[in-house]
Amino acid sequence: ELQRAWREGNISQRELETLDTELGHVKG
């Protein structure tokens, strides 16, 4: 479960980074 949560956390982190990139693009 911890490994799964860690993978999901990494995926969420990447999604958050993607959202931040999209937000920067939207801001532009």
PDB file of all heavy atoms in Angstrom:
ATOM      1  N   GLU A   1       0.826  -1.210   0.000  1.00  0.00           N
ATOM      2  CA  GLU A   1       0.000   0.000   0.000  1.00  0.00           C
ATOM      3  C   GLU A   1       0.860   1.260   0.000  1.00  0.00           C
ATOM      4  O   GLU A   1       0.550   2.244  -0.679  1.00  0.00           O
ATOM      5  CB  GLU A   1      -0.919  -0.014   1.230  1.00  0.00           C
ATOM      6  CG  GLU A   1      -2.035  -1.035   1.166  1.00  0.00           C
ATOM      7  CD  GLU A   1      -3.039  -0.700   0.069  1.00  0.00           C
ATOM      8  OE1 GLU A   1      -3.272   0.498  -0.165  1.00  0.00           O
ATOM      9  OE2 GLU A   1      -3.581  -1.641  -0.535  1.00  0.00           O
ATOM     10  N   LEU A   2       1.962   1.212   0.757  1.00  0.00           N
ATOM     11  CA  LEU A   2       2.852   2.372   0.794  1.00  0.00           C
ATOM     12  C   LEU A   2       3.496   2.616  -0.555  1.00  0.00           C
ATOM     13  O   LEU A   2       3.601   3.769  -1.010  1.00  0.00           O
ATOM     14  CB  LEU A   2       3.917   2.144   1.869  1.00  0.00           C
ATOM     15  CG  LEU A   2       4.907   3.289   2.095  1.00  0.00           C
ATOM     16  CD1 LEU A   2       4.167   4.540   2.546  1.00  0.00           C
ATOM     17  CD2 LEU A   2       5.961   2.901   3.134  1.00  0.00           C
ATOM     18  N   GLN A   3       3.929   1.539  -1.202  1.00  0.00           N
ATOM     19  CA  GLN A   3       4.514   1.703  -2.536  1.00  0.00           C
ATOM     20  C   GLN A   3       3.482   2.226  -3.525  1.00  0.00           C
ATOM     21  O   GLN A   3       3.799   3.088  -4.358  1.00  0.00           O
ATOM     22  CB  GLN A   3       5.072   0.360  -3.011  1.00  0.00           C
ATOM     23  CG  GLN A   3       6.306  -0.106  -2.240  1.00  0.00           C
ATOM     24  CD  GLN A   3       6.809  -1.448  -2.711  1.00  0.00           C
ATOM     25  OE1 GLN A   3       6.193  -2.078  -3.589  1.00  0.00           O
ATOM     26  NE2 GLN A   3       7.913  -1.907  -2.148  1.00  0.00           N
ATOM     27  N   ARG A   4       2.234   1.694  -3.419  1.00  0.00           N
ATOM     28  CA  ARG A   4       1.184   2.183  -4.313  1.00  0.00           C
ATOM     29  C   ARG A   4       0.905   3.665  -4.057  1.00  0.00           C
ATOM     30  O   ARG A   4       0.764   4.464  -5.001  1.00  0.00           O
ATOM     31  CB  ARG A   4      -0.083   1.353  -4.113  1.00  0.00           C
ATOM     32  CG  ARG A   4      -1.207   1.708  -5.073  1.00  0.00           C
ATOM     33  CD  ARG A   4      -2.399   0.802  -4.834  1.00  0.00           C
ATOM     34  NE  ARG A   4      -2.930   0.970  -3.503  1.00  0.00           N
ATOM     35  CZ  ARG A   4      -3.767   1.956  -3.142  1.00  0.00           C
ATOM     36  NH1 ARG A   4      -4.141   2.864  -4.046  1.00  0.00           N
ATOM     37  NH2 ARG A   4      -4.222   2.048  -1.916  1.00  0.00           N
ATOM     38  N   ALA A   5       0.825   4.030  -2.769  1.00  0.00           N
ATOM     39  CA  ALA A   5       0.594   5.438  -2.444  1.00  0.00           C
ATOM     40  C   ALA A   5       1.755   6.313  -2.910  1.00  0.00           C
ATOM     41  O   ALA A   5       1.549   7.440  -3.368  1.00  0.00           O
ATOM     42  CB  ALA A   5       0.391   5.591  -0.936  1.00  0.00           C
ATOM     43  N   TRP A   6       2.979   5.745  -2.799  1.00  0.00           N
ATOM     44  CA  TRP A   6       4.141   6.517  -3.255  1.00  0.00           C
ATOM     45  C   TRP A   6       4.097   6.722  -4.762  1.00  0.00           C
ATOM     46  O   TRP A   6       4.383   7.820  -5.264  1.00  0.00           O
ATOM     47  CB  TRP A   6       5.408   5.764  -2.853  1.00  0.00           C
ATOM     48  CG  TRP A   6       6.660   6.493  -3.201  1.00  0.00           C
ATOM     49  CD1 TRP A   6       7.185   7.593  -2.598  1.00  0.00           C
ATOM     50  CD2 TRP A   6       7.555   6.166  -4.278  1.00  0.00           C
ATOM     51  NE1 TRP A   6       8.353   7.981  -3.210  1.00  0.00           N
ATOM     52  CE2 TRP A   6       8.607   7.117  -4.246  1.00  0.00           C
ATOM     53  CE3 TRP A   6       7.578   5.173  -5.239  1.00  0.00           C
ATOM     54  CZ2 TRP A   6       9.660   7.087  -5.156  1.00  0.00           C
ATOM     55  CZ3 TRP A   6       8.621   5.137  -6.147  1.00  0.00           C
ATOM     56  CH2 TRP A   6       9.646   6.094  -6.109  1.00  0.00           C
ATOM     57  N   ARG A   7       3.701   5.663  -5.495  1.00  0.00           N
ATOM     58  CA  ARG A   7       3.573   5.812  -6.945  1.00  0.00           C
ATOM     59  C   ARG A   7       2.468   6.808  -7.295  1.00  0.00           C
ATOM     60  O   ARG A   7       2.649   7.659  -8.171  1.00  0.00           O
ATOM     61  CB  ARG A   7       3.281   4.452  -7.590  1.00  0.00           C
ATOM     62  CG  ARG A   7       4.475   3.508  -7.593  1.00  0.00           C
ATOM     63  CD  ARG A   7       4.219   2.329  -8.511  1.00  0.00           C
ATOM     64  NE  ARG A   7       3.091   1.531  -8.068  1.00  0.00           N
ATOM     65  CZ  ARG A   7       3.185   0.477  -7.254  1.00  0.00           C
ATOM     66  NH1 ARG A   7       4.382   0.121  -6.797  1.00  0.00           N
ATOM     67  NH2 ARG A   7       2.119  -0.205  -6.912  1.00  0.00           N
ATOM     68  N   GLU A   8       1.335   6.685  -6.574  1.00  0.00           N
ATOM     69  CA  GLU A   8       0.257   7.645  -6.824  1.00  0.00           C
ATOM     70  C   GLU A   8       0.695   9.058  -6.462  1.00  0.00           C
ATOM     71  O   GLU A   8       0.323  10.024  -7.144  1.00  0.00           O
ATOM     72  CB  GLU A   8      -0.978   7.240  -6.018  1.00  0.00           C
ATOM     73  CG  GLU A   8      -1.640   5.971  -6.511  1.00  0.00           C
ATOM     74  CD  GLU A   8      -2.851   5.593  -5.670  1.00  0.00           C
ATOM     75  OE1 GLU A   8      -3.086   6.300  -4.662  1.00  0.00           O
ATOM     76  OE2 GLU A   8      -3.552   4.627  -6.028  1.00  0.00           O
ATOM     77  N   GLY A   9       1.482   9.163  -5.376  1.00  0.00           N
ATOM     78  CA  GLY A   9       1.991  10.486  -5.012  1.00  0.00           C
ATOM     79  C   GLY A   9       2.905  11.050  -6.088  1.00  0.00           C
ATOM     80  O   GLY A   9       2.852  12.251  -6.411  1.00  0.00           O
ATOM     81  N   ASN A  10       3.761  10.177  -6.661  1.00  0.00           N
ATOM     82  CA  ASN A  10       4.624  10.643  -7.746  1.00  0.00           C
ATOM     83  C   ASN A  10       3.797  11.047  -8.961  1.00  0.00           C
ATOM     84  O   ASN A  10       4.068  12.065  -9.621  1.00  0.00           O
ATOM     85  CB  ASN A  10       5.620   9.547  -8.135  1.00  0.00           C
ATOM     86  CG  ASN A  10       6.657   9.311  -7.044  1.00  0.00           C
ATOM     87  OD1 ASN A  10       6.931  10.203  -6.243  1.00  0.00           O
ATOM     88  ND2 ASN A  10       7.223   8.113  -7.003  1.00  0.00           N
ATOM     89  N   ILE A  11       2.754  10.214  -9.231  1.00  0.00           N
ATOM     90  CA  ILE A  11       1.886  10.566 -10.359  1.00  0.00           C
ATOM     91  C   ILE A  11       1.182  11.886 -10.083  1.00  0.00           C
ATOM     92  O   ILE A  11       1.075  12.761 -10.963  1.00  0.00           O
ATOM     93  CB  ILE A  11       0.881   9.429 -10.613  1.00  0.00           C
ATOM     94  CG1 ILE A  11       1.615   8.170 -11.089  1.00  0.00           C
ATOM     95  CG2 ILE A  11      -0.167   9.860 -11.628  1.00  0.00           C
ATOM     96  CD1 ILE A  11       0.727   6.948 -11.212  1.00  0.00           C
ATOM     97  N   SER A  12       0.694  12.064  -8.847  1.00  0.00           N
ATOM     98  CA  SER A  12       0.027  13.321  -8.491  1.00  0.00           C
ATOM     99  C   SER A  12       0.998  14.489  -8.576  1.00  0.00           C
ATOM    100  O   SER A  12       0.620  15.588  -9.014  1.00  0.00           O
ATOM    101  CB  SER A  12      -0.561  13.218  -7.087  1.00  0.00           C
ATOM    102  OG  SER A  12      -1.504  12.164  -7.009  1.00  0.00           O
ATOM    103  N   GLN A  13       2.248  14.238  -8.179  1.00  0.00           N
ATOM    104  CA  GLN A  13       3.243  15.305  -8.274  1.00  0.00           C
ATOM    105  C   GLN A  13       3.480  15.689  -9.729  1.00  0.00           C
ATOM    106  O   GLN A  13       3.558  16.890 -10.068  1.00  0.00           O
ATOM    107  CB  GLN A  13       4.552  14.837  -7.613  1.00  0.00           C
ATOM    108  CG  GLN A  13       5.634  15.895  -7.558  1.00  0.00           C
ATOM    109  CD  GLN A  13       5.281  17.035  -6.624  1.00  0.00           C
ATOM    110  OE1 GLN A  13       4.509  16.846  -5.684  1.00  0.00           O
ATOM    111  NE2 GLN A  13       5.842  18.206  -6.874  1.00  0.00           N
ATOM    112  N   ARG A  14       3.574  14.660 -10.580  1.00  0.00           N
ATOM    113  CA  ARG A  14       3.770  14.969 -12.009  1.00  0.00           C
ATOM    114  C   ARG A  14       2.539  15.674 -12.576  1.00  0.00           C
ATOM    115  O   ARG A  14       2.676  16.615 -13.377  1.00  0.00           O
ATOM    116  CB  ARG A  14       4.043  13.669 -12.776  1.00  0.00           C
ATOM    117  CG  ARG A  14       5.415  13.074 -12.496  1.00  0.00           C
ATOM    118  CD  ARG A  14       5.747  12.010 -13.529  1.00  0.00           C
ATOM    119  NE  ARG A  14       4.883  10.851 -13.395  1.00  0.00           N
ATOM    120  CZ  ARG A  14       5.154   9.799 -12.646  1.00  0.00           C
ATOM    121  NH1 ARG A  14       6.287   9.780 -11.932  1.00  0.00           N
ATOM    122  NH2 ARG A  14       4.342   8.773 -12.590  1.00  0.00           N
ATOM    123  N   GLU A  15       1.338  15.199 -12.142  1.00  0.00           N
ATOM    124  CA  GLU A  15       0.130  15.882 -12.602  1.00  0.00           C
ATOM    125  C   GLU A  15       0.091  17.324 -12.105  1.00  0.00           C
ATOM    126  O   GLU A  15      -0.327  18.233 -12.837  1.00  0.00           O
ATOM    127  CB  GLU A  15      -1.107  15.120 -12.119  1.00  0.00           C
ATOM    128  CG  GLU A  15      -1.298  13.775 -12.802  1.00  0.00           C
ATOM    129  CD  GLU A  15      -2.504  13.039 -12.269  1.00  0.00           C
ATOM    130  OE1 GLU A  15      -3.099  13.547 -11.285  1.00  0.00           O
ATOM    131  OE2 GLU A  15      -2.853  11.976 -12.817  1.00  0.00           O
ATOM    132  N   LEU A  16       0.522  17.524 -10.861  1.00  0.00           N
ATOM    133  CA  LEU A  16       0.559  18.884 -10.324  1.00  0.00           C
ATOM    134  C   LEU A  16       1.543  19.755 -11.106  1.00  0.00           C
ATOM    135  O   LEU A  16       1.247  20.930 -11.400  1.00  0.00           O
ATOM    136  CB  LEU A  16       0.943  18.834  -8.838  1.00  0.00           C
ATOM    137  CG  LEU A  16       0.962  20.171  -8.092  1.00  0.00           C
ATOM    138  CD1 LEU A  16      -0.431  20.802  -8.114  1.00  0.00           C
ATOM    139  CD2 LEU A  16       1.434  19.977  -6.668  1.00  0.00           C
ATOM    140  N   GLU A  17       2.684  19.155 -11.430  1.00  0.00           N
ATOM    141  CA  GLU A  17       3.647  19.910 -12.242  1.00  0.00           C
ATOM    142  C   GLU A  17       3.058  20.230 -13.609  1.00  0.00           C
ATOM    143  O   GLU A  17       3.238  21.344 -14.141  1.00  0.00           O
ATOM    144  CB  GLU A  17       4.941  19.105 -12.381  1.00  0.00           C
ATOM    145  CG  GLU A  17       5.714  18.955 -11.070  1.00  0.00           C
ATOM    146  CD  GLU A  17       6.944  18.078 -11.228  1.00  0.00           C
ATOM    147  OE1 GLU A  17       7.109  17.515 -12.340  1.00  0.00           O
ATOM    148  OE2 GLU A  17       7.707  17.931 -10.259  1.00  0.00           O
ATOM    149  N   THR A  18       2.323  19.237 -14.173  1.00  0.00           N
ATOM    150  CA  THR A  18       1.684  19.481 -15.471  1.00  0.00           C
ATOM    151  C   THR A  18       0.636  20.582 -15.359  1.00  0.00           C
ATOM    152  O   THR A  18       0.541  21.472 -16.233  1.00  0.00           O
ATOM    153  CB  THR A  18       1.040  18.179 -15.981  1.00  0.00           C
ATOM    154  OG1 THR A  18       2.037  17.156 -16.047  1.00  0.00           O
ATOM    155  CG2 THR A  18       0.441  18.379 -17.358  1.00  0.00           C
ATOM    156  N   LEU A  19      -0.141  20.520 -14.263  1.00  0.00           N
ATOM    157  CA  LEU A  19      -1.143  21.567 -14.056  1.00  0.00           C
ATOM    158  C   LEU A  19      -0.500  22.931 -13.854  1.00  0.00           C
ATOM    159  O   LEU A  19      -1.026  23.958 -14.339  1.00  0.00           O
ATOM    160  CB  LEU A  19      -2.025  21.209 -12.852  1.00  0.00           C
ATOM    161  CG  LEU A  19      -2.959  20.001 -13.047  1.00  0.00           C
ATOM    162  CD1 LEU A  19      -3.699  19.702 -11.733  1.00  0.00           C
ATOM    163  CD2 LEU A  19      -3.962  20.273 -14.165  1.00  0.00           C
ATOM    164  N   ASP A  20       0.634  22.946 -13.137  1.00  0.00           N
ATOM    165  CA  ASP A  20       1.338  24.220 -12.975  1.00  0.00           C
ATOM    166  C   ASP A  20       1.810  24.753 -14.324  1.00  0.00           C
ATOM    167  O   ASP A  20       1.723  25.978 -14.598  1.00  0.00           O
ATOM    168  CB  ASP A  20       2.536  24.036 -12.037  1.00  0.00           C
ATOM    169  CG  ASP A  20       2.092  23.802 -10.602  1.00  0.00           C
ATOM    170  OD1 ASP A  20       0.950  24.192 -10.254  1.00  0.00           O
ATOM    171  OD2 ASP A  20       2.885  23.226  -9.821  1.00  0.00           O
ATOM    172  N   THR A  21       2.295  23.822 -15.168  1.00  0.00           N
ATOM    173  CA  THR A  21       2.743  24.251 -16.504  1.00  0.00           C
ATOM    174  C   THR A  21       1.564  24.787 -17.309  1.00  0.00           C
ATOM    175  O   THR A  21       1.663  25.847 -17.973  1.00  0.00           O
ATOM    176  CB  THR A  21       3.392  23.068 -17.232  1.00  0.00           C
ATOM    177  OG1 THR A  21       4.465  22.553 -16.429  1.00  0.00           O
ATOM    178  CG2 THR A  21       3.948  23.508 -18.570  1.00  0.00           C
ATOM    179  N   GLU A  22       0.428  24.034 -17.246  1.00  0.00           N
ATOM    180  CA  GLU A  22      -0.758  24.500 -17.964  1.00  0.00           C
ATOM    181  C   GLU A  22      -1.257  25.826 -17.403  1.00  0.00           C
ATOM    182  O   GLU A  22      -1.720  26.701 -18.156  1.00  0.00           O
ATOM    183  CB  GLU A  22      -1.858  23.437 -17.878  1.00  0.00           C
ATOM    184  CG  GLU A  22      -1.528  22.176 -18.657  1.00  0.00           C
ATOM    185  CD  GLU A  22      -2.612  21.137 -18.527  1.00  0.00           C
ATOM    186  OE1 GLU A  22      -3.583  21.392 -17.768  1.00  0.00           O
ATOM    187  OE2 GLU A  22      -2.505  20.078 -19.174  1.00  0.00           O
ATOM    188  N   LEU A  23      -1.165  25.968 -16.066  1.00  0.00           N
ATOM    189  CA  LEU A  23      -1.597  27.232 -15.454  1.00  0.00           C
ATOM    190  C   LEU A  23      -0.705  28.384 -15.921  1.00  0.00           C
ATOM    191  O   LEU A  23      -1.203  29.492 -16.210  1.00  0.00           O
ATOM    192  CB  LEU A  23      -1.549  27.105 -13.936  1.00  0.00           C
ATOM    193  CG  LEU A  23      -2.003  28.328 -13.147  1.00  0.00           C
ATOM    194  CD1 LEU A  23      -3.449  28.675 -13.475  1.00  0.00           C
ATOM    195  CD2 LEU A  23      -1.831  28.092 -11.649  1.00  0.00           C
ATOM    196  N   GLY A  24       0.604  28.097 -16.005  1.00  0.00           N
ATOM    197  CA  GLY A  24       1.491  29.148 -16.525  1.00  0.00           C
ATOM    198  C   GLY A  24       1.153  29.502 -17.962  1.00  0.00           C
ATOM    199  O   GLY A  24       1.169  30.689 -18.350  1.00  0.00           O
ATOM    200  N   HIS A  25       0.831  28.423 -18.744  1.00  0.00           N
ATOM    201  CA  HIS A  25       0.443  28.685 -20.133  1.00  0.00           C
ATOM    202  C   HIS A  25      -0.854  29.491 -20.193  1.00  0.00           C
ATOM    203  O   HIS A  25      -0.987  30.433 -21.000  1.00  0.00           O
ATOM    204  CB  HIS A  25       0.279  27.351 -20.864  1.00  0.00           C
ATOM    205  CG  HIS A  25      -0.157  27.489 -22.281  1.00  0.00           C
ATOM    206  ND1 HIS A  25       0.653  28.028 -23.281  1.00  0.00           N
ATOM    207  CD2 HIS A  25      -1.350  27.178 -22.887  1.00  0.00           C
ATOM    208  CE1 HIS A  25       0.005  28.040 -24.416  1.00  0.00           C
ATOM    209  NE2 HIS A  25      -1.224  27.524 -24.216  1.00  0.00           N
ATOM    210  N   VAL A  26      -1.815  29.120 -19.328  1.00  0.00           N
ATOM    211  CA  VAL A  26      -3.085  29.857 -19.292  1.00  0.00           C
ATOM    212  C   VAL A  26      -2.859  31.302 -18.864  1.00  0.00           C
ATOM    213  O   VAL A  26      -3.488  32.233 -19.386  1.00  0.00           O
ATOM    214  CB  VAL A  26      -4.077  29.141 -18.347  1.00  0.00           C
ATOM    215  CG1 VAL A  26      -5.313  30.007 -18.107  1.00  0.00           C
ATOM    216  CG2 VAL A  26      -4.498  27.810 -18.958  1.00  0.00           C
ATOM    217  N   LYS A  27      -1.942  31.460 -17.888  1.00  0.00           N
ATOM    218  CA  LYS A  27      -1.633  32.837 -17.470  1.00  0.00           C
ATOM    219  C   LYS A  27      -1.041  33.635 -18.622  1.00  0.00           C
ATOM    220  O   LYS A  27      -1.363  34.826 -18.796  1.00  0.00           O
ATOM    221  CB  LYS A  27      -0.651  32.801 -16.302  1.00  0.00           C
ATOM    222  CG  LYS A  27      -1.288  32.371 -14.990  1.00  0.00           C
ATOM    223  CD  LYS A  27      -0.256  32.399 -13.862  1.00  0.00           C
ATOM    224  CE  LYS A  27      -0.897  32.014 -12.538  1.00  0.00           C
ATOM    225  NZ  LYS A  27       0.079  32.028 -11.413  1.00  0.00           N
ATOM    226  N   GLY A  28      -0.178  32.944 -19.407  1.00  0.00           N
ATOM    227  CA  GLY A  28       0.383  33.647 -20.570  1.00  0.00           C
ATOM    228  C   GLY A  28      -0.700  34.008 -21.573  1.00  0.00           C
ATOM    229  O   GLY A  28      -0.725  35.132 -22.115  1.00  0.00           O
TER     230      GLY A  28
END
